[in-house]
C-alpha atoms as a PDB file:
ATOM      1  CA  UNK A   1      15.999  35.433 -17.511  1.00  0.00           C
ATOM      2  CA  UNK A   2      13.885  37.472 -14.789  1.00  0.00           C
ATOM      3  CA  UNK A   3      11.186  35.078 -15.913  1.00  0.00           C
ATOM      4  CA  UNK A   4      13.449  31.914 -15.374  1.00  0.00           C
ATOM      5  CA  UNK A   5      14.476  33.061 -12.057  1.00  0.00           C
ATOM      6  CA  UNK A   6      10.968  33.784 -10.879  1.00  0.00           C
ATOM      7  CA  UNK A   7       9.923  30.253 -12.039  1.00  0.00           C
ATOM      8  CA  UNK A   8      12.629  28.393 -10.085  1.00  0.00           C
ATOM      9  CA  UNK A   9      11.804  30.489  -7.085  1.00  0.00           C
ATOM     10  CA  UNK A  10       7.971  29.728  -7.090  1.00  0.00           C
ATOM     11  CA  UNK A  11       8.679  26.126  -7.622  1.00  0.00           C
ATOM     12  CA  UNK A  12      11.236  26.062  -4.944  1.00  0.00           C
ATOM     13  CA  UNK A  13       8.689  27.602  -2.591  1.00  0.00           C
ATOM     14  CA  UNK A  14       6.444  25.364  -3.387  1.00  0.00           C
ATOM     15  CA  UNK A  15       8.382  22.461  -3.200  1.00  0.00           C
ATOM     16  CA  UNK A  16      10.066  23.522   0.330  1.00  0.00           C
ATOM     17  CA  UNK A  17       6.172  23.954   1.213  1.00  0.00           C
ATOM     18  CA  UNK A  18       5.517  20.168   0.619  1.00  0.00           C
ATOM     19  CA  UNK A  19       8.628  19.228   2.588  1.00  0.00           C
ATOM     20  CA  UNK A  20       7.682  20.926   5.395  1.00  0.00           C
ATOM     21  CA  UNK A  21       4.160  19.160   5.510  1.00  0.00           C
ATOM     22  CA  UNK A  22       6.114  15.944   5.149  1.00  0.00           C
ATOM     23  CA  UNK A  23       8.398  16.880   8.039  1.00  0.00           C
ATOM     24  CA  UNK A  24       5.498  17.896  10.230  1.00  0.00           C
ATOM     25  CA  UNK A  25       3.620  14.787   9.282  1.00  0.00           C
ATOM     26  CA  UNK A  26       6.562  12.961  10.901  1.00  0.00           C
ATOM     27  CA  UNK A  27       7.600  14.993  13.942  1.00  0.00           C
ATOM     28  CA  UNK A  28       6.012  14.013  17.186  1.00  0.00           C
ATOM     29  CA  UNK A  29       4.171  17.036  18.365  1.00  0.00           C
ATOM     30  CA  UNK A  30       1.899  15.967  20.947  1.00  0.00           C
ATOM     31  CA  UNK A  31      -0.083  19.438  21.184  1.00  0.00           C
ATOM     32  CA  UNK A  32      -1.174  18.754  17.633  1.00  0.00           C
ATOM     33  CA  UNK A  33      -3.012  15.533  18.237  1.00  0.00           C
ATOM     34  CA  UNK A  34      -6.484  14.828  19.429  1.00  0.00           C
ATOM     35  CA  UNK A  35      -7.289  11.174  20.586  1.00  0.00           C
ATOM     36  CA  UNK A  36      -3.674  10.284  19.014  1.00  0.00           C
ATOM     37  CA  UNK A  37      -4.781  11.730  15.507  1.00  0.00           C
ATOM     38  CA  UNK A  38      -2.924  14.402  13.815  1.00  0.00           C
ATOM     39  CA  UNK A  39      -3.816  17.108  11.292  1.00  0.00           C
ATOM     40  CA  UNK A  40      -3.569  15.699   7.743  1.00  0.00           C
ATOM     41  CA  UNK A  41      -0.951  18.272   6.733  1.00  0.00           C
ATOM     42  CA  UNK A  42      -0.539  16.930   2.954  1.00  0.00           C
ATOM     43  CA  UNK A  43      -4.223  17.032   2.717  1.00  0.00           C
ATOM     44  CA  UNK A  44      -4.312  20.549   3.736  1.00  0.00           C
ATOM     45  CA  UNK A  45      -1.657  21.324   1.167  1.00  0.00           C
ATOM     46  CA  UNK A  46      -3.408  19.440  -1.497  1.00  0.00           C
ATOM     47  CA  UNK A  47      -6.651  21.635  -1.024  1.00  0.00           C
ATOM     48  CA  UNK A  48      -4.765  24.714  -0.964  1.00  0.00           C
ATOM     49  CA  UNK A  49      -3.123  23.887  -4.116  1.00  0.00           C
ATOM     50  CA  UNK A  50      -6.059  22.640  -6.007  1.00  0.00           C
ATOM     51  CA  UNK A  51      -8.193  25.689  -5.274  1.00  0.00           C
ATOM     52  CA  UNK A  52      -7.108  27.556  -8.259  1.00  0.00           C
ATOM     53  CA  UNK A  53      -5.492  24.951 -10.587  1.00  0.00           C
ATOM     54  CA  UNK A  54      -6.558  22.529 -13.436  1.00  0.00           C
ATOM     55  CA  UNK A  55      -8.148  19.607 -12.907  1.00  0.00           C
ATOM     56  CA  UNK A  56      -5.290  17.753 -14.295  1.00  0.00           C
ATOM     57  CA  UNK A  57      -2.822  19.719 -12.068  1.00  0.00           C
ATOM     58  CA  UNK A  58      -4.807  18.766  -8.897  1.00  0.00           C
ATOM     59  CA  UNK A  59      -4.968  14.796  -9.843  1.00  0.00           C
ATOM     60  CA  UNK A  60      -1.347  14.927 -10.312  1.00  0.00           C
ATOM     61  CA  UNK A  61      -0.832  16.669  -6.895  1.00  0.00           C
ATOM     62  CA  UNK A  62      -3.181  14.342  -5.181  1.00  0.00           C
ATOM     63  CA  UNK A  63      -1.239  11.544  -7.109  1.00  0.00           C
ATOM     64  CA  UNK A  64       2.278  12.563  -5.948  1.00  0.00           C
ATOM     65  CA  UNK A  65       1.162  13.548  -2.262  1.00  0.00           C
ATOM     66  CA  UNK A  66      -0.554  10.051  -2.239  1.00  0.00           C
ATOM     67  CA  UNK A  67       2.839   8.432  -3.128  1.00  0.00           C
ATOM     68  CA  UNK A  68       4.635  10.344  -0.787  1.00  0.00           C
ATOM     69  CA  UNK A  69       2.441   9.575   1.956  1.00  0.00           C
ATOM     70  CA  UNK A  70       2.578   5.614   1.283  1.00  0.00           C
ATOM     71  CA  UNK A  71       6.169   6.007   1.517  1.00  0.00           C
ATOM     72  CA  UNK A  72       6.420   7.444   4.794  1.00  0.00           C
ATOM     73  CA  UNK A  73       3.141   5.532   6.330  1.00  0.00           C
ATOM     74  CA  UNK A  74       1.594   2.411   5.848  1.00  0.00           C
ATOM     75  CA  UNK A  75       1.040   1.988   2.010  1.00  0.00           C
ATOM     76  CA  UNK A  76      -1.705  -0.771   2.356  1.00  0.00           C
ATOM     77  CA  UNK A  77      -4.205   0.450   1.832  1.00  0.00           C
ATOM     78  CA  UNK A  78      -3.027   3.373  -0.337  1.00  0.00           C
ATOM     79  CA  UNK A  79      -3.847   7.094   0.138  1.00  0.00           C
ATOM     80  CA  UNK A  80      -3.192   7.777  -3.866  1.00  0.00           C
ATOM     81  CA  UNK A  81      -7.131   6.976  -4.729  1.00  0.00           C
ATOM     82  CA  UNK A  82      -8.400   9.221  -1.941  1.00  0.00           C
ATOM     83  CA  UNK A  83      -5.798  12.030  -2.498  1.00  0.00           C
ATOM     84  CA  UNK A  84      -6.734  12.256  -6.430  1.00  0.00           C
ATOM     85  CA  UNK A  85     -10.396  12.222  -5.452  1.00  0.00           C
ATOM     86  CA  UNK A  86      -9.700  14.990  -3.182  1.00  0.00           C
ATOM     87  CA  UNK A  87      -7.802  17.091  -5.765  1.00  0.00           C
ATOM     88  CA  UNK A  88     -10.533  16.450  -8.447  1.00  0.00           C
ATOM     89  CA  UNK A  89     -13.318  17.607  -5.442  1.00  0.00           C
ATOM     90  CA  UNK A  90     -11.412  20.701  -4.751  1.00  0.00           C
ATOM     91  CA  UNK A  91     -11.510  22.051  -8.060  1.00  0.00           C
ATOM     92  CA  UNK A  92     -15.219  21.416  -9.041  1.00  0.00           C
ATOM     93  CA  UNK A  93     -15.906  22.875  -5.326  1.00  0.00           C
ATOM     94  CA  UNK A  94     -13.773  26.019  -6.160  1.00  0.00           C
ATOM     95  CA  UNK A  95     -15.135  26.195  -9.703  1.00  0.00           C
ATOM     96  CA  UNK A  96     -18.907  25.993  -8.789  1.00  0.00           C
ATOM     97  CA  UNK A  97     -19.145  27.414  -5.362  1.00  0.00           C
ATOM     98  CA  UNK A  98     -16.507  29.308  -4.233  1.00  0.00           C
ATOM     99  CA  UNK A  99     -15.903  31.406  -7.234  1.00  0.00           C
ATOM    100  CA  UNK A 100     -19.252  32.837  -6.783  1.00  0.00           C
ATOM    101  CA  UNK A 101     -18.483  33.462  -2.777  1.00  0.00           C
ATOM    102  CA  UNK A 102     -15.806  35.092  -1.467  1.00  0.00           C
ATOM    103  CA  UNK A 103     -12.852  33.264  -0.980  1.00  0.00           C
ATOM    104  CA  UNK A 104     -11.581  33.103   2.771  1.00  0.00           C
ATOM    105  CA  UNK A 105      -9.582  31.123   5.320  1.00  0.00           C
ATOM    106  CA  UNK A 106     -13.529  29.916   6.413  1.00  0.00           C
ATOM    107  CA  UNK A 107     -14.384  28.628   3.144  1.00  0.00           C
ATOM    108  CA  UNK A 108     -10.717  26.815   2.784  1.00  0.00           C
ATOM    109  CA  UNK A 109     -11.682  25.384   6.406  1.00  0.00           C
ATOM    110  CA  UNK A 110     -15.096  24.090   5.297  1.00  0.00           C
ATOM    111  CA  UNK A 111     -13.515  22.249   2.276  1.00  0.00           C
ATOM    112  CA  UNK A 112     -10.522  20.854   4.392  1.00  0.00           C
ATOM    113  CA  UNK A 113     -12.905  19.576   6.893  1.00  0.00           C
ATOM    114  CA  UNK A 114     -15.066  17.893   4.434  1.00  0.00           C
ATOM    115  CA  UNK A 115     -12.162  16.410   2.449  1.00  0.00           C
ATOM    116  CA  UNK A 116     -10.606  15.306   5.704  1.00  0.00           C
ATOM    117  CA  UNK A 117     -14.105  13.149   6.074  1.00  0.00           C
ATOM    118  CA  UNK A 118     -13.814  11.903   2.498  1.00  0.00           C
ATOM    119  CA  UNK A 119     -10.263  10.755   2.740  1.00  0.00           C
ATOM    120  CA  UNK A 120     -10.719   8.759   6.442  1.00  0.00           C
ATOM    121  CA  UNK A 121     -14.226   7.367   4.469  1.00  0.00           C
ATOM    122  CA  UNK A 122     -12.470   5.942   1.581  1.00  0.00           C
ATOM    123  CA  UNK A 123      -9.749   4.437   3.972  1.00  0.00           C
ATOM    124  CA  UNK A 124     -12.233   2.893   6.110  1.00  0.00           C
ATOM    125  CA  UNK A 125     -13.730   1.383   3.096  1.00  0.00           C
ATOM    126  CA  UNK A 126     -10.314   0.133   1.782  1.00  0.00           C
ATOM    127  CA  UNK A 127     -10.028  -1.406   5.067  1.00  0.00           C
ATOM    128  CA  UNK A 128     -13.016  -3.306   5.495  1.00  0.00           C
ATOM    129  CA  UNK A 129     -12.369  -4.951   1.909  1.00  0.00           C
ATOM    130  CA  UNK A 130      -8.516  -6.022   3.118  1.00  0.00           C
ATOM    131  CA  UNK A 131      -9.860  -7.235   6.827  1.00  0.00           C
ATOM    132  CA  UNK A 132     -11.912  -9.782   8.323  1.00  0.00           C
ATOM    133  CA  UNK A 133     -13.796  -6.929  10.118  1.00  0.00           C
ATOM    134  CA  UNK A 134     -17.383  -5.821   8.880  1.00  0.00           C
ATOM    135  CA  UNK A 135     -17.798  -2.141   7.896  1.00  0.00           C
ATOM    136  CA  UNK A 136     -19.782  -1.718  10.936  1.00  0.00           C
ATOM    137  CA  UNK A 137     -17.046  -2.782  13.008  1.00  0.00           C
ATOM    138  CA  UNK A 138     -14.690  -0.338  11.431  1.00  0.00           C
ATOM    139  CA  UNK A 139     -17.414   2.224  11.551  1.00  0.00           C
ATOM    140  CA  UNK A 140     -17.323   3.558  15.323  1.00  0.00           C
ATOM    141  CA  UNK A 141     -13.770   4.158  15.016  1.00  0.00           C
ATOM    142  CA  UNK A 142     -13.745   5.566  11.719  1.00  0.00           C
ATOM    143  CA  UNK A 143     -16.042   8.388  12.937  1.00  0.00           C
ATOM    144  CA  UNK A 144     -13.712   9.183  15.951  1.00  0.00           C
ATOM    145  CA  UNK A 145     -10.807   9.181  13.363  1.00  0.00           C
ATOM    146  CA  UNK A 146     -12.448  11.207  10.418  1.00  0.00           C
ATOM    147  CA  UNK A 147     -13.892  13.814  12.748  1.00  0.00           C
ATOM    148  CA  UNK A 148     -10.781  14.209  15.010  1.00  0.00           C
ATOM    149  CA  UNK A 149      -8.882  14.613  11.792  1.00  0.00           C
ATOM    150  CA  UNK A 150     -11.348  17.074  10.023  1.00  0.00           C
ATOM    151  CA  UNK A 151     -11.631  19.020  13.073  1.00  0.00           C
ATOM    152  CA  UNK A 152      -7.601  19.264  13.412  1.00  0.00           C
ATOM    153  CA  UNK A 153      -7.076  19.651   9.752  1.00  0.00           C
ATOM    154  CA  UNK A 154      -9.491  22.356   9.026  1.00  0.00           C
ATOM    155  CA  UNK A 155      -8.465  24.526  12.370  1.00  0.00           C
ATOM    156  CA  UNK A 156      -4.673  24.249  11.035  1.00  0.00           C
ATOM    157  CA  UNK A 157      -5.851  24.812   7.189  1.00  0.00           C
ATOM    158  CA  UNK A 158      -5.225  28.890   7.570  1.00  0.00           C
ATOM    159  CA  UNK A 159      -1.485  28.104   8.601  1.00  0.00           C
ATOM    160  CA  UNK A 160      -0.770  26.472   5.400  1.00  0.00           C
ATOM    161  CA  UNK A 161      -3.279  28.683   3.142  1.00  0.00           C
ATOM    162  CA  UNK A 162      -2.349  32.189   3.857  1.00  0.00           C
ATOM    163  CA  UNK A 163       1.330  32.165   3.211  1.00  0.00           C
ATOM    164  CA  UNK A 164       0.765  29.958   0.133  1.00  0.00           C
ATOM    165  CA  UNK A 165      -1.833  32.089  -1.221  1.00  0.00           C
ATOM    166  CA  UNK A 166      -0.155  35.026  -0.913  1.00  0.00           C
ATOM    167  CA  UNK A 167       2.798  33.657  -2.439  1.00  0.00           C
ATOM    168  CA  UNK A 168       1.104  32.470  -5.355  1.00  0.00           C
ATOM    169  CA  UNK A 169      -0.981  35.398  -5.867  1.00  0.00           C
ATOM    170  CA  UNK A 170       2.492  37.524  -5.761  1.00  0.00           C
ATOM    171  CA  UNK A 171       4.004  35.271  -8.547  1.00  0.00           C
ATOM    172  CA  UNK A 172       0.652  35.599 -10.621  1.00  0.00           C
ATOM    173  CA  UNK A 173       0.788  39.124 -10.106  1.00  0.00           C
ATOM    174  CA  UNK A 174       4.374  39.930 -11.200  1.00  0.00           C
ATOM    175  CA  UNK A 175       3.738  37.491 -14.162  1.00  0.00           C
ATOM    176  CA  UNK A 176       0.945  39.888 -15.790  1.00  0.00           C
ATOM    177  CA  UNK A 177       3.052  43.057 -15.239  1.00  0.00           C
ATOM    178  CA  UNK A 178       5.920  41.437 -16.822  1.00  0.00           C
ATOM    179  CA  UNK A 179       3.886  40.009 -20.068  1.00  0.00           C
END
């Protein structure tokens, strides 16, 4: 009974954190913007989630968050591919680089920075395929968007990382105590 309650509580906290990130995406908070670009809260959440998860779990989380983002923003081009790629890349980066280093907010912020660049670059490539504009026409705008998104997202990453990482570590340690 205690284990089931703990699993329900953990799922509730995790789901609520996603809902909060979605609400912050939708909320017009001017102080968070740079050149009209906001932090990519769902990307931050995805990176934090994927750090200590399996490849499959990270890809599914990327799929779900991509679908959510497509549902609340313009879905053409889709966010699904880029978010699934971010989940997979984050798992590889964590397993091959971060496990050997000390995990802290700086390393998480660097991963979020890089993944924001990846997401925005993929979106620019998708836009160039859909529109009559050449990739060179989109590149100037994409640089500003990618850099702004990467800077803001990496600066705000600890706000998502610290509470969720602490919570998941607490759940993990309480699981090892009761088994």
